N, C-alpha and C. Protein backbone atom coordinates (compact mmCIF):
# COMPACT_ATOMS: atom_id res chain seq x y z
N MET A 1 -30.75 3.59 -4.62
CA MET A 1 -30.04 3.22 -3.42
C MET A 1 -30.58 4.07 -2.30
N GLY A 2 -30.88 3.47 -1.17
CA GLY A 2 -31.40 4.20 -0.04
C GLY A 2 -30.33 5.07 0.58
N SER A 3 -30.67 5.68 1.72
CA SER A 3 -29.72 6.60 2.34
C SER A 3 -28.43 5.89 2.73
N SER A 4 -28.54 4.64 3.16
CA SER A 4 -27.32 3.93 3.51
C SER A 4 -26.88 2.99 2.38
N GLY A 5 -27.78 2.65 1.48
CA GLY A 5 -27.43 1.80 0.35
C GLY A 5 -27.27 0.36 0.76
N PRO A 6 -27.10 -0.51 -0.23
CA PRO A 6 -26.92 -1.92 0.09
C PRO A 6 -25.55 -2.14 0.72
N HIS A 7 -25.49 -3.10 1.64
CA HIS A 7 -24.20 -3.46 2.22
C HIS A 7 -23.43 -4.26 1.19
N ILE A 8 -22.26 -3.78 0.83
CA ILE A 8 -21.43 -4.44 -0.17
C ILE A 8 -20.13 -4.86 0.50
N THR A 9 -19.86 -6.16 0.48
CA THR A 9 -18.66 -6.69 1.11
C THR A 9 -17.42 -6.33 0.29
N ALA A 10 -16.26 -6.59 0.85
CA ALA A 10 -15.00 -6.29 0.15
C ALA A 10 -14.90 -7.09 -1.15
N ALA A 11 -15.29 -8.37 -1.12
CA ALA A 11 -15.24 -9.20 -2.33
C ALA A 11 -16.24 -8.69 -3.37
N GLU A 12 -17.42 -8.27 -2.93
CA GLU A 12 -18.42 -7.74 -3.85
C GLU A 12 -17.96 -6.41 -4.44
N LEU A 13 -17.24 -5.62 -3.65
CA LEU A 13 -16.73 -4.35 -4.13
C LEU A 13 -15.77 -4.56 -5.30
N LYS A 14 -14.98 -5.62 -5.26
CA LYS A 14 -14.07 -5.93 -6.37
C LYS A 14 -14.87 -6.17 -7.65
N ILE A 15 -15.98 -6.87 -7.52
CA ILE A 15 -16.85 -7.14 -8.67
C ILE A 15 -17.46 -5.83 -9.18
N MET A 16 -17.93 -5.01 -8.26
CA MET A 16 -18.52 -3.73 -8.65
C MET A 16 -17.50 -2.87 -9.39
N LYS A 17 -16.27 -2.86 -8.93
CA LYS A 17 -15.23 -2.05 -9.58
C LYS A 17 -15.01 -2.50 -11.02
N VAL A 18 -15.03 -3.82 -11.24
CA VAL A 18 -14.87 -4.32 -12.61
C VAL A 18 -16.05 -3.86 -13.47
N LEU A 19 -17.27 -3.97 -12.93
CA LEU A 19 -18.45 -3.58 -13.69
C LEU A 19 -18.53 -2.07 -13.93
N TRP A 20 -18.11 -1.27 -12.96
CA TRP A 20 -18.06 0.17 -13.19
C TRP A 20 -17.11 0.49 -14.33
N GLY A 21 -16.03 -0.26 -14.41
CA GLY A 21 -15.07 -0.05 -15.49
C GLY A 21 -15.60 -0.51 -16.85
N LEU A 22 -16.32 -1.62 -16.85
CA LEU A 22 -16.87 -2.17 -18.10
C LEU A 22 -18.15 -1.46 -18.54
N GLY A 23 -18.91 -0.98 -17.58
CA GLY A 23 -20.23 -0.44 -17.88
C GLY A 23 -21.29 -1.49 -17.68
N SER A 24 -21.08 -2.67 -18.22
CA SER A 24 -21.91 -3.85 -17.99
C SER A 24 -21.09 -5.05 -18.44
N GLY A 25 -21.48 -6.22 -17.96
CA GLY A 25 -20.72 -7.40 -18.35
C GLY A 25 -21.35 -8.69 -17.88
N THR A 26 -20.84 -9.77 -18.42
CA THR A 26 -21.27 -11.11 -18.03
C THR A 26 -20.41 -11.59 -16.87
N VAL A 27 -20.80 -12.72 -16.30
CA VAL A 27 -20.00 -13.30 -15.21
C VAL A 27 -18.57 -13.57 -15.71
N ARG A 28 -18.44 -14.12 -16.90
CA ARG A 28 -17.11 -14.43 -17.46
C ARG A 28 -16.28 -13.16 -17.62
N GLN A 29 -16.88 -12.10 -18.13
CA GLN A 29 -16.15 -10.85 -18.32
C GLN A 29 -15.69 -10.28 -16.98
N VAL A 30 -16.53 -10.39 -15.97
CA VAL A 30 -16.16 -9.91 -14.63
C VAL A 30 -15.03 -10.77 -14.07
N LEU A 31 -15.17 -12.07 -14.18
CA LEU A 31 -14.14 -12.97 -13.69
C LEU A 31 -12.80 -12.67 -14.36
N ASP A 32 -12.82 -12.48 -15.66
CA ASP A 32 -11.58 -12.17 -16.39
C ASP A 32 -11.02 -10.80 -16.02
N GLY A 33 -11.89 -9.88 -15.56
CA GLY A 33 -11.45 -8.53 -15.21
C GLY A 33 -11.00 -8.35 -13.79
N LEU A 34 -11.20 -9.37 -12.95
CA LEU A 34 -10.79 -9.25 -11.54
C LEU A 34 -9.27 -9.22 -11.44
N PRO A 35 -8.73 -8.28 -10.68
CA PRO A 35 -7.28 -8.20 -10.54
C PRO A 35 -6.76 -9.39 -9.73
N PRO A 36 -5.59 -9.89 -10.08
CA PRO A 36 -5.03 -10.99 -9.29
C PRO A 36 -4.69 -10.53 -7.88
N ASP A 37 -4.94 -11.39 -6.92
CA ASP A 37 -4.65 -11.01 -5.53
C ASP A 37 -3.56 -11.90 -4.94
N GLY A 38 -2.85 -12.61 -5.79
CA GLY A 38 -1.75 -13.45 -5.32
C GLY A 38 -2.15 -14.88 -5.07
N GLY A 39 -3.44 -15.14 -4.91
CA GLY A 39 -3.90 -16.50 -4.68
C GLY A 39 -4.59 -17.04 -5.92
N GLU A 40 -5.33 -18.10 -5.71
CA GLU A 40 -6.09 -18.68 -6.81
C GLU A 40 -7.24 -17.74 -7.17
N PRO A 41 -7.51 -17.57 -8.46
CA PRO A 41 -8.67 -16.76 -8.82
C PRO A 41 -9.94 -17.45 -8.35
N PRO A 42 -10.98 -16.68 -8.07
CA PRO A 42 -12.22 -17.32 -7.61
C PRO A 42 -12.83 -18.17 -8.72
N ALA A 43 -13.62 -19.14 -8.32
CA ALA A 43 -14.31 -20.00 -9.28
C ALA A 43 -15.41 -19.21 -9.98
N TYR A 44 -15.74 -19.62 -11.18
CA TYR A 44 -16.81 -18.99 -11.95
C TYR A 44 -18.09 -18.97 -11.13
N THR A 45 -18.41 -20.10 -10.50
CA THR A 45 -19.67 -20.19 -9.74
C THR A 45 -19.66 -19.25 -8.53
N THR A 46 -18.50 -19.01 -7.95
CA THR A 46 -18.40 -18.09 -6.82
C THR A 46 -18.73 -16.67 -7.27
N VAL A 47 -18.15 -16.26 -8.39
CA VAL A 47 -18.42 -14.92 -8.94
C VAL A 47 -19.88 -14.81 -9.32
N MET A 48 -20.43 -15.85 -9.94
CA MET A 48 -21.84 -15.86 -10.34
C MET A 48 -22.74 -15.70 -9.11
N THR A 49 -22.44 -16.41 -8.04
CA THR A 49 -23.23 -16.32 -6.81
C THR A 49 -23.16 -14.92 -6.22
N MET A 50 -21.97 -14.34 -6.18
CA MET A 50 -21.83 -12.99 -5.62
C MET A 50 -22.57 -11.97 -6.48
N MET A 51 -22.53 -12.13 -7.80
CA MET A 51 -23.25 -11.20 -8.67
C MET A 51 -24.76 -11.35 -8.49
N LYS A 52 -25.21 -12.57 -8.28
CA LYS A 52 -26.64 -12.80 -8.01
C LYS A 52 -27.02 -12.11 -6.70
N GLN A 53 -26.17 -12.21 -5.69
CA GLN A 53 -26.44 -11.57 -4.41
C GLN A 53 -26.45 -10.05 -4.55
N LEU A 54 -25.53 -9.50 -5.35
CA LEU A 54 -25.50 -8.06 -5.59
C LEU A 54 -26.79 -7.61 -6.29
N ALA A 55 -27.29 -8.43 -7.19
CA ALA A 55 -28.55 -8.11 -7.87
C ALA A 55 -29.71 -8.14 -6.88
N GLU A 56 -29.71 -9.13 -5.98
CA GLU A 56 -30.77 -9.22 -4.97
C GLU A 56 -30.73 -8.03 -4.01
N LYS A 57 -29.56 -7.48 -3.78
CA LYS A 57 -29.40 -6.31 -2.91
C LYS A 57 -29.77 -5.02 -3.62
N GLY A 58 -29.94 -5.08 -4.93
CA GLY A 58 -30.26 -3.88 -5.70
C GLY A 58 -29.03 -3.14 -6.21
N ALA A 59 -27.85 -3.73 -6.07
CA ALA A 59 -26.63 -3.09 -6.53
C ALA A 59 -26.37 -3.32 -8.01
N LEU A 60 -26.96 -4.39 -8.57
CA LEU A 60 -26.81 -4.70 -9.99
C LEU A 60 -28.17 -4.90 -10.63
N ALA A 61 -28.30 -4.46 -11.86
CA ALA A 61 -29.47 -4.78 -12.68
C ALA A 61 -29.07 -5.92 -13.60
N VAL A 62 -30.02 -6.81 -13.88
CA VAL A 62 -29.72 -8.00 -14.68
C VAL A 62 -30.62 -8.04 -15.91
N ASP A 63 -30.01 -8.20 -17.07
CA ASP A 63 -30.76 -8.42 -18.31
C ASP A 63 -30.83 -9.92 -18.51
N ARG A 64 -31.99 -10.49 -18.19
CA ARG A 64 -32.18 -11.94 -18.29
C ARG A 64 -32.71 -12.35 -19.66
N ASP A 65 -32.93 -11.37 -20.54
CA ASP A 65 -33.45 -11.67 -21.87
C ASP A 65 -32.36 -12.19 -22.80
N ARG A 66 -31.15 -12.16 -22.36
CA ARG A 66 -30.07 -12.66 -23.20
C ARG A 66 -29.24 -13.68 -22.43
N GLN A 67 -28.55 -14.50 -23.16
CA GLN A 67 -27.67 -15.50 -22.56
C GLN A 67 -26.26 -15.25 -23.04
N PRO A 68 -25.27 -15.22 -22.22
CA PRO A 68 -25.39 -15.20 -20.76
C PRO A 68 -25.98 -13.88 -20.27
N PHE A 69 -26.49 -13.90 -19.04
CA PHE A 69 -27.08 -12.70 -18.46
C PHE A 69 -26.07 -11.55 -18.48
N LEU A 70 -26.59 -10.34 -18.66
CA LEU A 70 -25.75 -9.15 -18.66
C LEU A 70 -26.06 -8.35 -17.40
N TYR A 71 -25.02 -8.03 -16.64
CA TYR A 71 -25.16 -7.31 -15.38
C TYR A 71 -24.67 -5.87 -15.55
N THR A 72 -25.43 -4.93 -14.98
CA THR A 72 -25.09 -3.51 -15.06
C THR A 72 -25.18 -2.91 -13.66
N PRO A 73 -24.22 -2.10 -13.26
CA PRO A 73 -24.31 -1.47 -11.93
C PRO A 73 -25.59 -0.64 -11.81
N ALA A 74 -26.28 -0.81 -10.69
CA ALA A 74 -27.50 -0.06 -10.40
C ALA A 74 -27.23 1.01 -9.35
N VAL A 75 -26.00 1.06 -8.88
CA VAL A 75 -25.58 2.09 -7.92
C VAL A 75 -24.31 2.73 -8.47
N ARG A 76 -24.16 4.00 -8.17
CA ARG A 76 -22.98 4.72 -8.66
C ARG A 76 -21.77 4.44 -7.77
N ARG A 77 -20.62 4.47 -8.40
CA ARG A 77 -19.36 4.23 -7.70
C ARG A 77 -19.18 5.22 -6.55
N ASP A 78 -19.42 6.51 -6.81
CA ASP A 78 -19.19 7.52 -5.78
C ASP A 78 -20.11 7.32 -4.58
N GLN A 79 -21.34 6.82 -4.81
CA GLN A 79 -22.26 6.57 -3.71
C GLN A 79 -21.74 5.44 -2.82
N VAL A 80 -21.31 4.37 -3.46
CA VAL A 80 -20.83 3.20 -2.70
C VAL A 80 -19.54 3.55 -1.95
N LEU A 81 -18.63 4.24 -2.62
CA LEU A 81 -17.36 4.57 -1.96
C LEU A 81 -17.59 5.56 -0.81
N ALA A 82 -18.51 6.50 -0.98
CA ALA A 82 -18.81 7.44 0.12
C ALA A 82 -19.39 6.68 1.31
N HIS A 83 -20.26 5.72 1.04
CA HIS A 83 -20.85 4.92 2.12
C HIS A 83 -19.77 4.09 2.83
N ARG A 84 -18.89 3.48 2.04
CA ARG A 84 -17.80 2.67 2.62
C ARG A 84 -16.87 3.55 3.45
N LEU A 85 -16.58 4.75 2.95
CA LEU A 85 -15.71 5.67 3.68
C LEU A 85 -16.34 6.07 5.01
N LYS A 86 -17.64 6.35 5.00
CA LYS A 86 -18.33 6.70 6.25
C LYS A 86 -18.28 5.55 7.24
N GLN A 87 -18.47 4.31 6.75
CA GLN A 87 -18.37 3.15 7.63
C GLN A 87 -16.97 3.05 8.24
N PHE A 88 -15.96 3.21 7.39
CA PHE A 88 -14.57 3.14 7.86
C PHE A 88 -14.30 4.23 8.88
N LEU A 89 -14.73 5.44 8.56
CA LEU A 89 -14.53 6.57 9.46
C LEU A 89 -15.17 6.29 10.83
N ASN A 90 -16.39 5.79 10.82
CA ASN A 90 -17.08 5.51 12.08
C ASN A 90 -16.44 4.35 12.83
N ASN A 91 -16.06 3.29 12.12
CA ASN A 91 -15.50 2.10 12.76
C ASN A 91 -14.08 2.30 13.28
N VAL A 92 -13.27 3.01 12.53
CA VAL A 92 -11.85 3.14 12.87
C VAL A 92 -11.55 4.44 13.63
N PHE A 93 -12.17 5.53 13.23
CA PHE A 93 -11.85 6.84 13.81
C PHE A 93 -13.00 7.42 14.63
N ASP A 94 -13.97 6.58 14.99
CA ASP A 94 -15.11 7.02 15.80
C ASP A 94 -15.79 8.25 15.21
N GLY A 95 -15.82 8.33 13.88
CA GLY A 95 -16.50 9.42 13.21
C GLY A 95 -15.73 10.73 13.18
N ARG A 96 -14.51 10.76 13.66
CA ARG A 96 -13.73 12.00 13.75
C ARG A 96 -12.94 12.19 12.45
N VAL A 97 -13.50 13.00 11.56
CA VAL A 97 -12.89 13.25 10.25
C VAL A 97 -11.49 13.82 10.39
N GLU A 98 -11.33 14.77 11.34
CA GLU A 98 -10.02 15.40 11.48
C GLU A 98 -8.93 14.40 11.84
N ASP A 99 -9.28 13.36 12.63
CA ASP A 99 -8.28 12.34 12.98
C ASP A 99 -7.86 11.55 11.74
N LEU A 100 -8.82 11.22 10.89
CA LEU A 100 -8.51 10.51 9.65
C LEU A 100 -7.61 11.36 8.76
N VAL A 101 -7.97 12.62 8.57
CA VAL A 101 -7.20 13.50 7.69
C VAL A 101 -5.78 13.70 8.23
N LEU A 102 -5.67 13.92 9.54
CA LEU A 102 -4.34 14.11 10.14
C LEU A 102 -3.50 12.85 10.00
N GLN A 103 -4.11 11.69 10.19
CA GLN A 103 -3.40 10.42 10.03
C GLN A 103 -2.88 10.28 8.60
N LEU A 104 -3.72 10.59 7.64
CA LEU A 104 -3.31 10.52 6.24
C LEU A 104 -2.20 11.52 5.93
N ALA A 105 -2.34 12.73 6.45
CA ALA A 105 -1.33 13.76 6.20
C ALA A 105 0.03 13.35 6.77
N GLU A 106 0.01 12.65 7.90
CA GLU A 106 1.27 12.24 8.53
C GLU A 106 1.87 11.00 7.87
N ASP A 107 1.03 10.03 7.50
CA ASP A 107 1.53 8.74 7.06
C ASP A 107 1.55 8.52 5.55
N ALA A 108 0.69 9.21 4.83
CA ALA A 108 0.61 8.98 3.38
C ALA A 108 1.78 9.67 2.69
N ASP A 109 2.19 9.10 1.59
CA ASP A 109 3.27 9.68 0.79
C ASP A 109 2.65 10.68 -0.17
N LEU A 110 2.39 11.88 0.33
CA LEU A 110 1.72 12.92 -0.45
C LEU A 110 2.73 13.78 -1.17
N SER A 111 2.47 14.01 -2.45
CA SER A 111 3.34 14.89 -3.23
C SER A 111 2.93 16.34 -2.96
N VAL A 112 3.76 17.26 -3.40
CA VAL A 112 3.44 18.68 -3.28
C VAL A 112 2.14 18.97 -4.03
N GLU A 113 1.97 18.34 -5.18
CA GLU A 113 0.74 18.52 -5.97
C GLU A 113 -0.47 18.01 -5.19
N ASP A 114 -0.34 16.85 -4.53
CA ASP A 114 -1.43 16.32 -3.70
C ASP A 114 -1.80 17.32 -2.62
N LEU A 115 -0.80 17.86 -1.95
CA LEU A 115 -1.05 18.82 -0.87
C LEU A 115 -1.74 20.08 -1.39
N ARG A 116 -1.34 20.54 -2.56
CA ARG A 116 -1.98 21.72 -3.15
C ARG A 116 -3.44 21.45 -3.47
N ARG A 117 -3.73 20.27 -4.01
CA ARG A 117 -5.13 19.93 -4.32
C ARG A 117 -5.95 19.85 -3.04
N ILE A 118 -5.38 19.30 -1.99
CA ILE A 118 -6.07 19.21 -0.70
C ILE A 118 -6.33 20.61 -0.16
N GLU A 119 -5.32 21.46 -0.21
CA GLU A 119 -5.48 22.84 0.26
C GLU A 119 -6.56 23.57 -0.52
N ALA A 120 -6.61 23.35 -1.83
CA ALA A 120 -7.63 24.00 -2.66
C ALA A 120 -9.02 23.53 -2.26
N LYS A 121 -9.17 22.24 -1.98
CA LYS A 121 -10.47 21.71 -1.53
C LYS A 121 -10.86 22.34 -0.20
N ILE A 122 -9.91 22.48 0.69
CA ILE A 122 -10.19 23.07 2.01
C ILE A 122 -10.64 24.51 1.84
N ARG A 123 -9.92 25.27 1.01
CA ARG A 123 -10.32 26.67 0.76
C ARG A 123 -11.73 26.75 0.18
N LYS A 124 -12.04 25.87 -0.73
CA LYS A 124 -13.36 25.85 -1.36
C LYS A 124 -14.44 25.57 -0.31
N ARG A 125 -14.19 24.62 0.57
CA ARG A 125 -15.15 24.30 1.64
C ARG A 125 -15.30 25.47 2.61
N GLU A 126 -14.18 26.12 2.93
CA GLU A 126 -14.24 27.29 3.84
C GLU A 126 -15.08 28.40 3.22
N GLU A 127 -14.87 28.66 1.93
CA GLU A 127 -15.64 29.70 1.26
C GLU A 127 -17.12 29.35 1.21
N ALA A 128 -17.43 28.11 0.95
CA ALA A 128 -18.83 27.68 0.92
C ALA A 128 -19.45 27.82 2.30
N GLY A 129 -18.68 27.53 3.35
CA GLY A 129 -19.17 27.67 4.71
C GLY A 129 -19.43 29.12 5.08
N LYS A 130 -18.56 30.01 4.61
CA LYS A 130 -18.74 31.45 4.88
C LYS A 130 -20.00 31.96 4.20
N ARG A 131 -20.25 31.49 2.97
CA ARG A 131 -21.45 31.94 2.24
C ARG A 131 -22.71 31.48 2.95
N LYS A 132 -22.69 30.29 3.52
CA LYS A 132 -23.87 29.78 4.23
C LYS A 132 -24.14 30.56 5.49
N LYS A 133 -23.08 31.01 6.18
CA LYS A 133 -23.23 31.70 7.46
C LYS A 133 -23.53 33.17 7.31
N SER A 134 -23.20 33.77 6.16
CA SER A 134 -23.40 35.21 6.01
C SER A 134 -24.91 35.51 5.95
N PRO A 135 -25.36 36.53 6.68
CA PRO A 135 -26.78 36.87 6.69
C PRO A 135 -27.20 37.41 5.34
N ARG A 136 -28.41 37.06 4.95
CA ARG A 136 -28.95 37.54 3.68
C ARG A 136 -29.79 38.78 3.94
N ARG A 137 -29.66 39.71 3.04
CA ARG A 137 -30.46 40.93 3.14
C ARG A 137 -31.85 40.67 2.61
N ARG A 138 -32.79 41.25 3.29
CA ARG A 138 -34.16 41.16 2.82
C ARG A 138 -34.58 42.50 2.26
N SER A 139 -35.21 42.48 1.14
CA SER A 139 -35.69 43.74 0.59
C SER A 139 -37.12 43.96 1.06
N GLY A 140 -37.47 45.20 1.27
CA GLY A 140 -38.85 45.45 1.62
C GLY A 140 -39.01 46.30 2.73
């Protein structure tokens, strides 16, 4: 996956999530694994077309030596989600991370445990930042 990776639509992301969970799968297995969204499930041919498009984008690898074809994610979940988050951050919050975090802190139903984990991550980032800024001694 390149620096920005393939553009994956919301519908394609649902397919990718099923495949990340399965490891690999056929069109039928993906269709059966899609969570219900309250409407009609997509047609088999629709899922097949989207999976073909994901393969053309480089997001899926296809084993064509077997029938039915077996599809395997060619991009990692964390890479795709990080890319999607950056897009969201830029589109909605004009790239201002602090605005996103503050919005979540105010509106999300965060437990005390959630807040502690967030605080621990912040401390870890602060410590890493201090280590980067501290001057290194040279011997000699």
